[in-house]
Amino acid sequence: MNYPVFIFHELVLRFSYINRQVGRYISSTIEGGDILIKTTSGKIAIAQEFLEKQYRDPSGISADQLRELAAGFQAE
């Protein structure tokens, strides 16, 4: 599915509330079935299911899930 770009921006914004180092959204690609989101300061990989949740029902992603995903941020 092609997602509108604002979905990526919203998700990165949610990550940045947890981890200030995340930065701002630049681009995204699909790698090995996951979505790789590139930011101004690094990258973060998320499962496609989380992008779908962010699109359909952002409240379906719990604070714990967001923290776990944000912990996977890799600074460059």
C-alpha atoms as a PDB file:
ATOM      1  CA  MET A   1       0.000   0.000   0.000  1.00  0.00           C
ATOM      2  CA  ASN A   2       1.165   3.528  -0.699  1.00  0.00           C
ATOM      3  CA  TYR A   3       0.885   5.593   2.448  1.00  0.00           C
ATOM      4  CA  PRO A   4       0.627   9.379   2.471  1.00  0.00           C
ATOM      5  CA  VAL A   5       3.872  10.986   3.578  1.00  0.00           C
ATOM      6  CA  PHE A   6       2.237  12.656   6.587  1.00  0.00           C
ATOM      7  CA  ILE A   7       1.937   9.191   8.201  1.00  0.00           C
ATOM      8  CA  PHE A   8       5.735   8.916   8.292  1.00  0.00           C
ATOM      9  CA  HIS A   9       6.078  12.450   9.650  1.00  0.00           C
ATOM     10  CA  GLU A  10       3.550  11.714  12.413  1.00  0.00           C
ATOM     11  CA  LEU A  11       5.276   8.494  13.398  1.00  0.00           C
ATOM     12  CA  VAL A  12       8.711  10.144  13.517  1.00  0.00           C
ATOM     13  CA  LEU A  13       7.234  12.967  15.585  1.00  0.00           C
ATOM     14  CA  ARG A  14       5.852  10.436  18.059  1.00  0.00           C
ATOM     15  CA  PHE A  15       9.293   8.767  18.248  1.00  0.00           C
ATOM     16  CA  SER A  16      11.002  12.115  18.803  1.00  0.00           C
ATOM     17  CA  TYR A  17       8.848  12.758  21.898  1.00  0.00           C
ATOM     18  CA  ILE A  18      10.471   9.650  23.374  1.00  0.00           C
ATOM     19  CA  ASN A  19      13.964  10.035  21.929  1.00  0.00           C
ATOM     20  CA  ARG A  20      15.009  13.591  21.014  1.00  0.00           C
ATOM     21  CA  GLN A  21      17.877  12.246  18.882  1.00  0.00           C
ATOM     22  CA  VAL A  22      15.477  10.858  16.259  1.00  0.00           C
ATOM     23  CA  GLY A  23      15.327  14.126  14.337  1.00  0.00           C
ATOM     24  CA  ARG A  24      12.945  14.853  11.457  1.00  0.00           C
ATOM     25  CA  TYR A  25      11.664  12.608   8.673  1.00  0.00           C
ATOM     26  CA  ILE A  26      13.606  12.566   5.383  1.00  0.00           C
ATOM     27  CA  SER A  27      12.594   9.416   3.474  1.00  0.00           C
ATOM     28  CA  SER A  28      11.537   5.787   3.727  1.00  0.00           C
ATOM     29  CA  THR A  29      12.214   2.525   1.932  1.00  0.00           C
ATOM     30  CA  ILE A  30      11.205  -1.107   2.326  1.00  0.00           C
ATOM     31  CA  GLU A  31      13.990  -3.454   3.418  1.00  0.00           C
ATOM     32  CA  GLY A  32      13.360  -7.113   4.171  1.00  0.00           C
ATOM     33  CA  GLY A  33       9.649  -6.527   4.689  1.00  0.00           C
ATOM     34  CA  ASP A  34      10.209  -3.740   7.218  1.00  0.00           C
ATOM     35  CA  ILE A  35       9.967  -0.020   6.639  1.00  0.00           C
ATOM     36  CA  LEU A  36      13.274   1.801   7.043  1.00  0.00           C
ATOM     37  CA  ILE A  37      12.693   5.438   7.936  1.00  0.00           C
ATOM     38  CA  LYS A  38      15.598   7.817   7.408  1.00  0.00           C
ATOM     39  CA  THR A  39      15.691  10.921   9.565  1.00  0.00           C
ATOM     40  CA  THR A  40      17.951  13.946   9.813  1.00  0.00           C
ATOM     41  CA  SER A  41      20.073  12.157  12.409  1.00  0.00           C
ATOM     42  CA  GLY A  42      19.794   8.440  11.663  1.00  0.00           C
ATOM     43  CA  LYS A  43      17.363   5.669  10.828  1.00  0.00           C
ATOM     44  CA  ILE A  44      14.742   3.483  12.415  1.00  0.00           C
ATOM     45  CA  ALA A  45      13.209   0.235  11.144  1.00  0.00           C
ATOM     46  CA  ILE A  46       9.602  -0.597  11.873  1.00  0.00           C
ATOM     47  CA  ALA A  47       7.313  -3.440  10.901  1.00  0.00           C
ATOM     48  CA  GLN A  48       4.763  -2.583   8.263  1.00  0.00           C
ATOM     49  CA  GLU A  49       1.983  -3.366  10.740  1.00  0.00           C
ATOM     50  CA  PHE A  50       2.921  -0.300  12.809  1.00  0.00           C
ATOM     51  CA  LEU A  51       2.739   1.954   9.785  1.00  0.00           C
ATOM     52  CA  GLU A  52      -0.692   0.513   9.066  1.00  0.00           C
ATOM     53  CA  LYS A  53      -1.763   1.167  12.671  1.00  0.00           C
ATOM     54  CA  GLN A  54      -0.470   4.731  12.479  1.00  0.00           C
ATOM     55  CA  TYR A  55      -2.522   5.196   9.320  1.00  0.00           C
ATOM     56  CA  ARG A  56      -5.756   3.536  10.473  1.00  0.00           C
ATOM     57  CA  ASP A  57      -5.757   4.040  14.246  1.00  0.00           C
ATOM     58  CA  PRO A  58      -2.737   5.769  15.824  1.00  0.00           C
ATOM     59  CA  SER A  59      -4.110   5.099  19.307  1.00  0.00           C
ATOM     60  CA  GLY A  60      -3.669   1.384  18.535  1.00  0.00           C
ATOM     61  CA  ILE A  61       0.074   1.812  19.097  1.00  0.00           C
ATOM     62  CA  SER A  62       0.672   1.762  22.838  1.00  0.00           C
ATOM     63  CA  ALA A  63       3.195   3.941  24.639  1.00  0.00           C
ATOM     64  CA  ASP A  64       5.218   0.793  25.404  1.00  0.00           C
ATOM     65  CA  GLN A  65       5.288  -0.149  21.719  1.00  0.00           C
ATOM     66  CA  LEU A  66       6.401   3.369  20.794  1.00  0.00           C
ATOM     67  CA  ARG A  67       9.197   3.242  23.382  1.00  0.00           C
ATOM     68  CA  GLU A  68      10.309  -0.145  22.090  1.00  0.00           C
ATOM     69  CA  LEU A  69      10.338   1.076  18.487  1.00  0.00           C
ATOM     70  CA  ALA A  70      12.100   4.332  19.392  1.00  0.00           C
ATOM     71  CA  ALA A  71      14.773   2.326  21.218  1.00  0.00           C
ATOM     72  CA  GLY A  72      15.657   0.793  17.842  1.00  0.00           C
ATOM     73  CA  PHE A  73      16.765   4.180  16.485  1.00  0.00           C
ATOM     74  CA  GLN A  74      20.291   4.097  15.038  1.00  0.00           C
ATOM     75  CA  ALA A  75      22.120   7.422  15.014  1.00  0.00           C
ATOM     76  CA  GLU A  76      24.394   8.101  12.066  1.00  0.00           C
END
